Amino acid sequence: MNLRTLAAFALTLAAAGRMSAEDLVFQSNIPFSFVVNGRTLPAGEYRVRQNSTINESFLRIQGIVQKVGALVMSAPPTESAPARPGTARLVFHRYGDQYFLYQVWTAGDRGEQVPQTRQEREIAAHRTAAHELLAVALR
C-alpha cells in the first residue's frame, strides 16, 4: 500500500466518523438546583445537547440565562426507561433536597446514563431512606 492510498484511507475514516455524529438539542426548565459531573447548577432554563459518535456520547448542559453549564461523557443506561416512555426527559436522583442528574432520554426511548459522582455515592451510602427518581420533560 503506497502513501497516497494510506492517506486517502485515513481521510475516509475521519470523514465517516464525523458523519456518524449525531447532535440532538433539547430545552428544559429545571425548577431546582442539581448536580452534574460534580458541579451544582442552579434552577432555571437549560439547553441539553447530546452529541454521539460511534464510540462515545457526550452531554452538554448549558444554562440559557445563567450561562453556567457542565459537560459529561455518558454511557447507555443499564436500566429500563422510567415512567413516560417515548417522552424526551431528564431523570434525577433525589436525596432529600439534593438532586443529581441520572439519565437523559430522548424521543424514541434512547437513553444516556450520567456517571454517579463521588458526592452522590457518599450520600447514597449513608442514607437510610430510599431515594426518588424524578423526571423533567425536555422540549
N, C-alpha and C. Protein backbone atom coordinates (compact mmCIF):
# COMPACT_ATOMS: atom_id res chain seq x y z
N MET A 1 0.86 -1.17 0.00
CA MET A 1 0.00 0.00 0.00
C MET A 1 0.90 1.23 0.00
N ASN A 2 0.68 2.12 -0.94
CA ASN A 2 1.54 3.31 -1.00
C ASN A 2 1.02 4.41 -0.08
N LEU A 3 1.78 5.46 0.05
CA LEU A 3 1.47 6.55 0.98
C LEU A 3 0.16 7.27 0.61
N ARG A 4 -0.09 7.46 -0.70
CA ARG A 4 -1.33 8.12 -1.13
C ARG A 4 -2.56 7.30 -0.76
N THR A 5 -2.49 6.00 -0.97
CA THR A 5 -3.62 5.14 -0.64
C THR A 5 -3.88 5.15 0.86
N LEU A 6 -2.81 5.09 1.64
CA LEU A 6 -2.95 5.13 3.09
C LEU A 6 -3.55 6.46 3.55
N ALA A 7 -3.11 7.58 2.97
CA ALA A 7 -3.65 8.89 3.33
C ALA A 7 -5.13 8.99 2.97
N ALA A 8 -5.50 8.50 1.78
CA ALA A 8 -6.91 8.53 1.37
C ALA A 8 -7.77 7.68 2.30
N PHE A 9 -7.26 6.53 2.71
CA PHE A 9 -7.99 5.66 3.63
C PHE A 9 -8.20 6.36 4.98
N ALA A 10 -7.17 7.02 5.48
CA ALA A 10 -7.27 7.73 6.77
C ALA A 10 -8.28 8.86 6.69
N LEU A 11 -8.29 9.62 5.58
CA LEU A 11 -9.25 10.71 5.42
C LEU A 11 -10.68 10.18 5.33
N THR A 12 -10.86 9.04 4.66
CA THR A 12 -12.18 8.44 4.55
C THR A 12 -12.70 8.02 5.93
N LEU A 13 -11.84 7.42 6.74
CA LEU A 13 -12.25 7.03 8.09
C LEU A 13 -12.60 8.24 8.94
N ALA A 14 -11.82 9.29 8.86
CA ALA A 14 -12.10 10.51 9.62
C ALA A 14 -13.44 11.12 9.21
N ALA A 15 -13.70 11.18 7.92
CA ALA A 15 -14.96 11.73 7.43
C ALA A 15 -16.14 10.87 7.87
N ALA A 16 -15.97 9.56 7.83
CA ALA A 16 -17.05 8.67 8.25
C ALA A 16 -17.37 8.86 9.73
N GLY A 17 -16.34 9.07 10.54
CA GLY A 17 -16.56 9.32 11.97
C GLY A 17 -17.34 10.59 12.19
N ARG A 18 -17.02 11.64 11.45
CA ARG A 18 -17.75 12.90 11.59
C ARG A 18 -19.19 12.77 11.11
N MET A 19 -19.41 12.05 10.03
CA MET A 19 -20.76 11.91 9.51
C MET A 19 -21.63 11.07 10.43
N SER A 20 -21.02 10.19 11.24
CA SER A 20 -21.82 9.36 12.12
C SER A 20 -22.24 10.11 13.38
N ALA A 21 -21.68 11.29 13.58
CA ALA A 21 -22.02 12.07 14.78
C ALA A 21 -23.48 12.49 14.73
N GLU A 22 -24.10 12.44 15.87
CA GLU A 22 -25.50 12.83 15.99
C GLU A 22 -25.56 13.93 17.03
N ASP A 23 -26.21 15.01 16.71
CA ASP A 23 -26.28 16.14 17.61
C ASP A 23 -27.75 16.47 17.85
N LEU A 24 -28.24 16.17 19.05
CA LEU A 24 -29.62 16.43 19.41
C LEU A 24 -29.65 17.54 20.44
N VAL A 25 -30.57 18.50 20.27
CA VAL A 25 -30.66 19.63 21.20
C VAL A 25 -32.08 19.72 21.73
N PHE A 26 -32.18 19.85 23.06
CA PHE A 26 -33.46 20.00 23.74
C PHE A 26 -33.36 21.14 24.73
N GLN A 27 -34.50 21.61 25.21
CA GLN A 27 -34.54 22.62 26.27
C GLN A 27 -35.44 22.13 27.38
N SER A 28 -35.16 22.61 28.61
CA SER A 28 -35.97 22.23 29.75
C SER A 28 -35.88 23.30 30.82
N ASN A 29 -36.98 23.49 31.54
CA ASN A 29 -36.99 24.37 32.69
C ASN A 29 -36.87 23.46 33.91
N ILE A 30 -35.74 23.52 34.59
CA ILE A 30 -35.49 22.67 35.75
C ILE A 30 -35.75 23.53 36.99
N PRO A 31 -36.77 23.17 37.78
CA PRO A 31 -37.21 24.03 38.88
C PRO A 31 -36.41 23.89 40.18
N PHE A 32 -35.27 23.23 40.14
CA PHE A 32 -34.47 23.03 41.35
C PHE A 32 -32.99 23.01 40.96
N SER A 33 -32.11 23.30 41.91
CA SER A 33 -30.69 23.18 41.62
C SER A 33 -30.34 21.69 41.59
N PHE A 34 -29.31 21.34 40.82
CA PHE A 34 -28.96 19.94 40.65
C PHE A 34 -27.46 19.81 40.41
N VAL A 35 -26.96 18.59 40.61
CA VAL A 35 -25.54 18.31 40.44
C VAL A 35 -25.35 17.46 39.19
N VAL A 36 -24.40 17.85 38.37
CA VAL A 36 -24.00 17.06 37.21
C VAL A 36 -22.48 17.16 37.09
N ASN A 37 -21.84 16.02 36.99
CA ASN A 37 -20.38 15.94 36.85
C ASN A 37 -19.66 16.69 37.99
N GLY A 38 -20.22 16.61 39.19
CA GLY A 38 -19.61 17.24 40.36
C GLY A 38 -19.86 18.73 40.49
N ARG A 39 -20.64 19.29 39.59
CA ARG A 39 -20.90 20.73 39.60
C ARG A 39 -22.37 20.99 39.91
N THR A 40 -22.64 21.90 40.85
CA THR A 40 -24.02 22.26 41.18
C THR A 40 -24.49 23.39 40.28
N LEU A 41 -25.57 23.15 39.58
CA LEU A 41 -26.15 24.14 38.68
C LEU A 41 -27.46 24.65 39.28
N PRO A 42 -27.73 25.95 39.18
CA PRO A 42 -28.95 26.50 39.78
C PRO A 42 -30.20 26.15 38.97
N ALA A 43 -31.35 26.30 39.60
CA ALA A 43 -32.62 26.12 38.90
C ALA A 43 -32.68 27.10 37.74
N GLY A 44 -33.36 26.72 36.66
CA GLY A 44 -33.50 27.62 35.53
C GLY A 44 -33.72 26.89 34.22
N GLU A 45 -33.66 27.66 33.15
CA GLU A 45 -33.87 27.16 31.79
C GLU A 45 -32.53 26.66 31.25
N TYR A 46 -32.51 25.42 30.74
CA TYR A 46 -31.27 24.81 30.25
C TYR A 46 -31.45 24.26 28.84
N ARG A 47 -30.37 24.28 28.11
CA ARG A 47 -30.29 23.64 26.80
C ARG A 47 -29.43 22.39 27.00
N VAL A 48 -29.95 21.26 26.55
CA VAL A 48 -29.24 19.99 26.66
C VAL A 48 -28.88 19.54 25.25
N ARG A 49 -27.59 19.38 25.03
CA ARG A 49 -27.10 18.95 23.71
C ARG A 49 -26.47 17.57 23.88
N GLN A 50 -26.96 16.63 23.11
CA GLN A 50 -26.44 15.27 23.13
C GLN A 50 -25.67 15.05 21.83
N ASN A 51 -24.39 14.77 21.94
CA ASN A 51 -23.56 14.53 20.78
C ASN A 51 -23.02 13.12 20.88
N SER A 52 -23.35 12.28 19.90
CA SER A 52 -22.92 10.89 19.92
C SER A 52 -22.14 10.56 18.66
N THR A 53 -21.07 9.81 18.85
CA THR A 53 -20.33 9.24 17.73
C THR A 53 -20.44 7.73 17.86
N ILE A 54 -19.73 7.02 17.05
CA ILE A 54 -19.79 5.56 17.09
C ILE A 54 -19.32 5.04 18.45
N ASN A 55 -18.29 5.66 19.02
CA ASN A 55 -17.68 5.14 20.24
C ASN A 55 -18.05 5.88 21.52
N GLU A 56 -18.47 7.14 21.43
CA GLU A 56 -18.65 7.95 22.63
C GLU A 56 -19.92 8.78 22.55
N SER A 57 -20.40 9.17 23.71
CA SER A 57 -21.55 10.06 23.79
C SER A 57 -21.27 11.11 24.85
N PHE A 58 -21.51 12.37 24.50
CA PHE A 58 -21.29 13.47 25.42
C PHE A 58 -22.59 14.24 25.59
N LEU A 59 -22.79 14.75 26.80
CA LEU A 59 -23.93 15.60 27.10
C LEU A 59 -23.39 16.95 27.54
N ARG A 60 -23.91 18.00 26.95
CA ARG A 60 -23.56 19.35 27.37
C ARG A 60 -24.84 20.00 27.88
N ILE A 61 -24.80 20.43 29.13
CA ILE A 61 -25.95 21.09 29.75
C ILE A 61 -25.54 22.53 29.97
N GLN A 62 -26.26 23.46 29.33
CA GLN A 62 -25.88 24.88 29.36
C GLN A 62 -27.07 25.72 29.76
N GLY A 63 -26.88 26.57 30.78
CA GLY A 63 -27.93 27.49 31.19
C GLY A 63 -28.18 28.53 30.12
N ILE A 64 -29.42 28.80 29.84
CA ILE A 64 -29.76 29.78 28.80
C ILE A 64 -29.61 31.20 29.33
N VAL A 65 -30.07 31.45 30.55
CA VAL A 65 -29.97 32.78 31.16
C VAL A 65 -28.71 32.90 32.00
N GLN A 66 -28.44 31.89 32.85
CA GLN A 66 -27.33 31.97 33.79
C GLN A 66 -25.95 31.77 33.15
N LYS A 67 -25.87 31.19 31.98
CA LYS A 67 -24.61 30.92 31.29
C LYS A 67 -23.68 30.04 32.11
N VAL A 68 -24.24 29.10 32.85
CA VAL A 68 -23.46 28.09 33.56
C VAL A 68 -23.74 26.76 32.90
N GLY A 69 -22.85 25.82 33.06
CA GLY A 69 -23.09 24.54 32.44
C GLY A 69 -22.10 23.49 32.85
N ALA A 70 -22.26 22.32 32.25
CA ALA A 70 -21.38 21.19 32.53
C ALA A 70 -21.34 20.30 31.29
N LEU A 71 -20.24 19.60 31.16
CA LEU A 71 -20.05 18.63 30.08
C LEU A 71 -19.77 17.30 30.74
N VAL A 72 -20.40 16.25 30.25
CA VAL A 72 -20.20 14.93 30.84
C VAL A 72 -20.22 13.87 29.75
N MET A 73 -19.32 12.89 29.89
CA MET A 73 -19.34 11.74 28.99
C MET A 73 -20.33 10.76 29.58
N SER A 74 -21.23 10.25 28.77
CA SER A 74 -22.28 9.37 29.28
C SER A 74 -22.15 7.98 28.68
N ALA A 75 -22.96 7.08 29.19
CA ALA A 75 -22.98 5.70 28.73
C ALA A 75 -24.43 5.27 28.57
N PRO A 76 -24.69 4.26 27.75
CA PRO A 76 -26.07 3.77 27.64
C PRO A 76 -26.56 3.30 29.00
N PRO A 77 -27.84 3.55 29.32
CA PRO A 77 -28.36 3.17 30.63
C PRO A 77 -28.39 1.65 30.80
N THR A 78 -28.25 1.22 32.04
CA THR A 78 -28.29 -0.20 32.34
C THR A 78 -29.67 -0.63 32.81
N GLU A 79 -30.55 0.32 33.02
CA GLU A 79 -31.91 0.01 33.48
C GLU A 79 -32.91 0.38 32.41
N SER A 80 -34.11 -0.14 32.55
CA SER A 80 -35.15 0.21 31.59
C SER A 80 -35.61 1.65 31.83
N ALA A 81 -36.28 2.19 30.84
CA ALA A 81 -36.75 3.57 30.92
C ALA A 81 -37.76 3.73 32.05
N PRO A 82 -37.64 4.83 32.81
CA PRO A 82 -38.64 5.09 33.85
C PRO A 82 -39.97 5.52 33.23
N ALA A 83 -40.86 6.03 34.06
CA ALA A 83 -42.21 6.41 33.62
C ALA A 83 -42.18 7.27 32.37
N ARG A 84 -43.26 7.28 31.65
CA ARG A 84 -43.49 8.07 30.44
C ARG A 84 -42.59 7.67 29.27
N PRO A 85 -42.62 6.41 28.85
CA PRO A 85 -41.80 6.02 27.70
C PRO A 85 -42.18 6.81 26.46
N GLY A 86 -41.21 7.10 25.63
CA GLY A 86 -41.44 7.85 24.40
C GLY A 86 -41.36 9.35 24.57
N THR A 87 -41.18 9.82 25.80
CA THR A 87 -41.09 11.25 26.07
C THR A 87 -39.64 11.62 26.36
N ALA A 88 -39.15 12.66 25.69
CA ALA A 88 -37.81 13.15 25.99
C ALA A 88 -37.82 13.76 27.39
N ARG A 89 -36.85 13.35 28.22
CA ARG A 89 -36.86 13.80 29.61
C ARG A 89 -35.49 13.66 30.26
N LEU A 90 -35.30 14.42 31.32
CA LEU A 90 -34.16 14.28 32.20
C LEU A 90 -34.64 13.54 33.44
N VAL A 91 -33.85 12.62 33.94
CA VAL A 91 -34.22 11.88 35.14
C VAL A 91 -33.17 12.19 36.21
N PHE A 92 -33.66 12.52 37.41
CA PHE A 92 -32.79 12.90 38.52
C PHE A 92 -32.97 11.92 39.67
N HIS A 93 -31.88 11.68 40.40
CA HIS A 93 -31.97 11.03 41.71
C HIS A 93 -32.18 12.14 42.72
N ARG A 94 -33.09 11.92 43.64
CA ARG A 94 -33.35 12.91 44.68
C ARG A 94 -33.07 12.29 46.04
N TYR A 95 -32.21 12.96 46.80
CA TYR A 95 -31.90 12.57 48.17
C TYR A 95 -32.23 13.78 49.04
N GLY A 96 -33.36 13.76 49.71
CA GLY A 96 -33.78 14.92 50.49
C GLY A 96 -34.02 16.10 49.57
N ASP A 97 -33.23 17.19 49.74
CA ASP A 97 -33.38 18.35 48.86
C ASP A 97 -32.24 18.46 47.85
N GLN A 98 -31.48 17.37 47.64
CA GLN A 98 -30.40 17.38 46.65
C GLN A 98 -30.78 16.52 45.46
N TYR A 99 -30.53 17.06 44.27
CA TYR A 99 -30.87 16.38 43.02
C TYR A 99 -29.59 16.14 42.22
N PHE A 100 -29.48 14.94 41.64
CA PHE A 100 -28.34 14.57 40.82
C PHE A 100 -28.85 14.08 39.48
N LEU A 101 -28.32 14.64 38.38
CA LEU A 101 -28.73 14.17 37.06
C LEU A 101 -28.32 12.71 36.91
N TYR A 102 -29.28 11.89 36.50
CA TYR A 102 -29.07 10.44 36.43
C TYR A 102 -29.10 9.93 34.98
N GLN A 103 -30.13 10.33 34.23
CA GLN A 103 -30.27 9.87 32.85
C GLN A 103 -30.85 10.98 31.98
N VAL A 104 -30.56 10.89 30.68
CA VAL A 104 -31.16 11.76 29.67
C VAL A 104 -31.78 10.85 28.63
N TRP A 105 -33.11 10.98 28.47
CA TRP A 105 -33.85 10.16 27.50
C TRP A 105 -34.34 11.07 26.39
N THR A 106 -34.03 10.71 25.17
CA THR A 106 -34.51 11.47 24.02
C THR A 106 -35.70 10.72 23.42
N ALA A 107 -36.40 11.38 22.52
CA ALA A 107 -37.56 10.75 21.87
C ALA A 107 -37.12 9.43 21.24
N GLY A 108 -37.98 8.47 21.24
CA GLY A 108 -37.65 7.17 20.67
C GLY A 108 -37.03 6.24 21.71
N ASP A 109 -37.13 6.60 22.98
CA ASP A 109 -36.63 5.78 24.08
C ASP A 109 -35.13 5.48 24.00
N ARG A 110 -34.37 6.44 23.54
CA ARG A 110 -32.91 6.31 23.56
C ARG A 110 -32.42 7.06 24.78
N GLY A 111 -31.72 6.38 25.65
CA GLY A 111 -31.28 6.99 26.89
C GLY A 111 -29.78 6.98 27.06
N GLU A 112 -29.31 7.92 27.85
CA GLU A 112 -27.89 8.00 28.21
C GLU A 112 -27.81 8.08 29.72
N GLN A 113 -26.89 7.34 30.31
CA GLN A 113 -26.70 7.34 31.75
C GLN A 113 -25.55 8.26 32.12
N VAL A 114 -25.76 9.09 33.12
CA VAL A 114 -24.73 10.00 33.60
C VAL A 114 -24.00 9.30 34.75
N PRO A 115 -22.67 9.26 34.70
CA PRO A 115 -21.94 8.59 35.78
C PRO A 115 -22.22 9.23 37.14
N GLN A 116 -22.32 8.39 38.15
CA GLN A 116 -22.57 8.85 39.51
C GLN A 116 -21.32 9.53 40.06
N THR A 117 -21.49 10.68 40.70
CA THR A 117 -20.35 11.40 41.28
C THR A 117 -20.00 10.79 42.64
N ARG A 118 -18.81 11.09 43.11
CA ARG A 118 -18.39 10.63 44.43
C ARG A 118 -19.34 11.17 45.50
N GLN A 119 -19.75 12.43 45.34
CA GLN A 119 -20.67 13.05 46.30
C GLN A 119 -21.98 12.26 46.38
N GLU A 120 -22.53 11.88 45.23
CA GLU A 120 -23.78 11.11 45.23
C GLU A 120 -23.58 9.73 45.84
N ARG A 121 -22.47 9.07 45.52
CA ARG A 121 -22.20 7.75 46.10
C ARG A 121 -22.13 7.82 47.62
N GLU A 122 -21.48 8.87 48.15
CA GLU A 122 -21.37 9.03 49.60
C GLU A 122 -22.74 9.27 50.23
N ILE A 123 -23.55 10.12 49.61
CA ILE A 123 -24.89 10.38 50.14
C ILE A 123 -25.73 9.10 50.11
N ALA A 124 -25.66 8.38 49.01
CA ALA A 124 -26.44 7.14 48.88
C ALA A 124 -25.98 6.10 49.90
N ALA A 125 -24.70 6.03 50.18
CA ALA A 125 -24.18 5.03 51.12
C ALA A 125 -24.60 5.32 52.55
N HIS A 126 -24.76 6.59 52.92
CA HIS A 126 -25.10 6.97 54.29
C HIS A 126 -26.58 7.24 54.48
N ARG A 127 -27.35 7.04 53.47
CA ARG A 127 -28.77 7.36 53.50
C ARG A 127 -29.56 6.15 53.97
N THR A 128 -30.44 6.33 54.93
CA THR A 128 -31.28 5.21 55.38
C THR A 128 -32.59 5.16 54.59
N ALA A 129 -33.10 6.32 54.19
CA ALA A 129 -34.34 6.36 53.40
C ALA A 129 -34.00 6.17 51.92
N ALA A 130 -34.92 5.60 51.19
CA ALA A 130 -34.72 5.38 49.75
C ALA A 130 -34.73 6.71 49.01
N HIS A 131 -34.03 6.75 47.89
CA HIS A 131 -34.05 7.94 47.06
C HIS A 131 -35.21 7.86 46.07
N GLU A 132 -35.51 8.99 45.47
CA GLU A 132 -36.60 9.05 44.47
C GLU A 132 -36.01 9.30 43.09
N LEU A 133 -36.75 8.86 42.08
CA LEU A 133 -36.46 9.24 40.71
C LEU A 133 -37.46 10.31 40.31
N LEU A 134 -36.98 11.37 39.69
CA LEU A 134 -37.84 12.46 39.29
C LEU A 134 -37.54 12.79 37.83
N ALA A 135 -38.56 12.85 36.99
CA ALA A 135 -38.39 13.14 35.57
C ALA A 135 -38.84 14.56 35.27
N VAL A 136 -38.06 15.26 34.43
CA VAL A 136 -38.41 16.60 33.95
C VAL A 136 -38.42 16.55 32.44
N ALA A 137 -39.52 17.00 31.83
CA ALA A 137 -39.67 16.91 30.37
C ALA A 137 -38.71 17.82 29.63
N LEU A 138 -38.23 17.30 28.48
CA LEU A 138 -37.44 18.08 27.54
C LEU A 138 -38.34 18.48 26.39
N ARG A 139 -38.03 19.61 25.76
CA ARG A 139 -38.82 20.02 24.60
C ARG A 139 -37.90 20.50 23.50
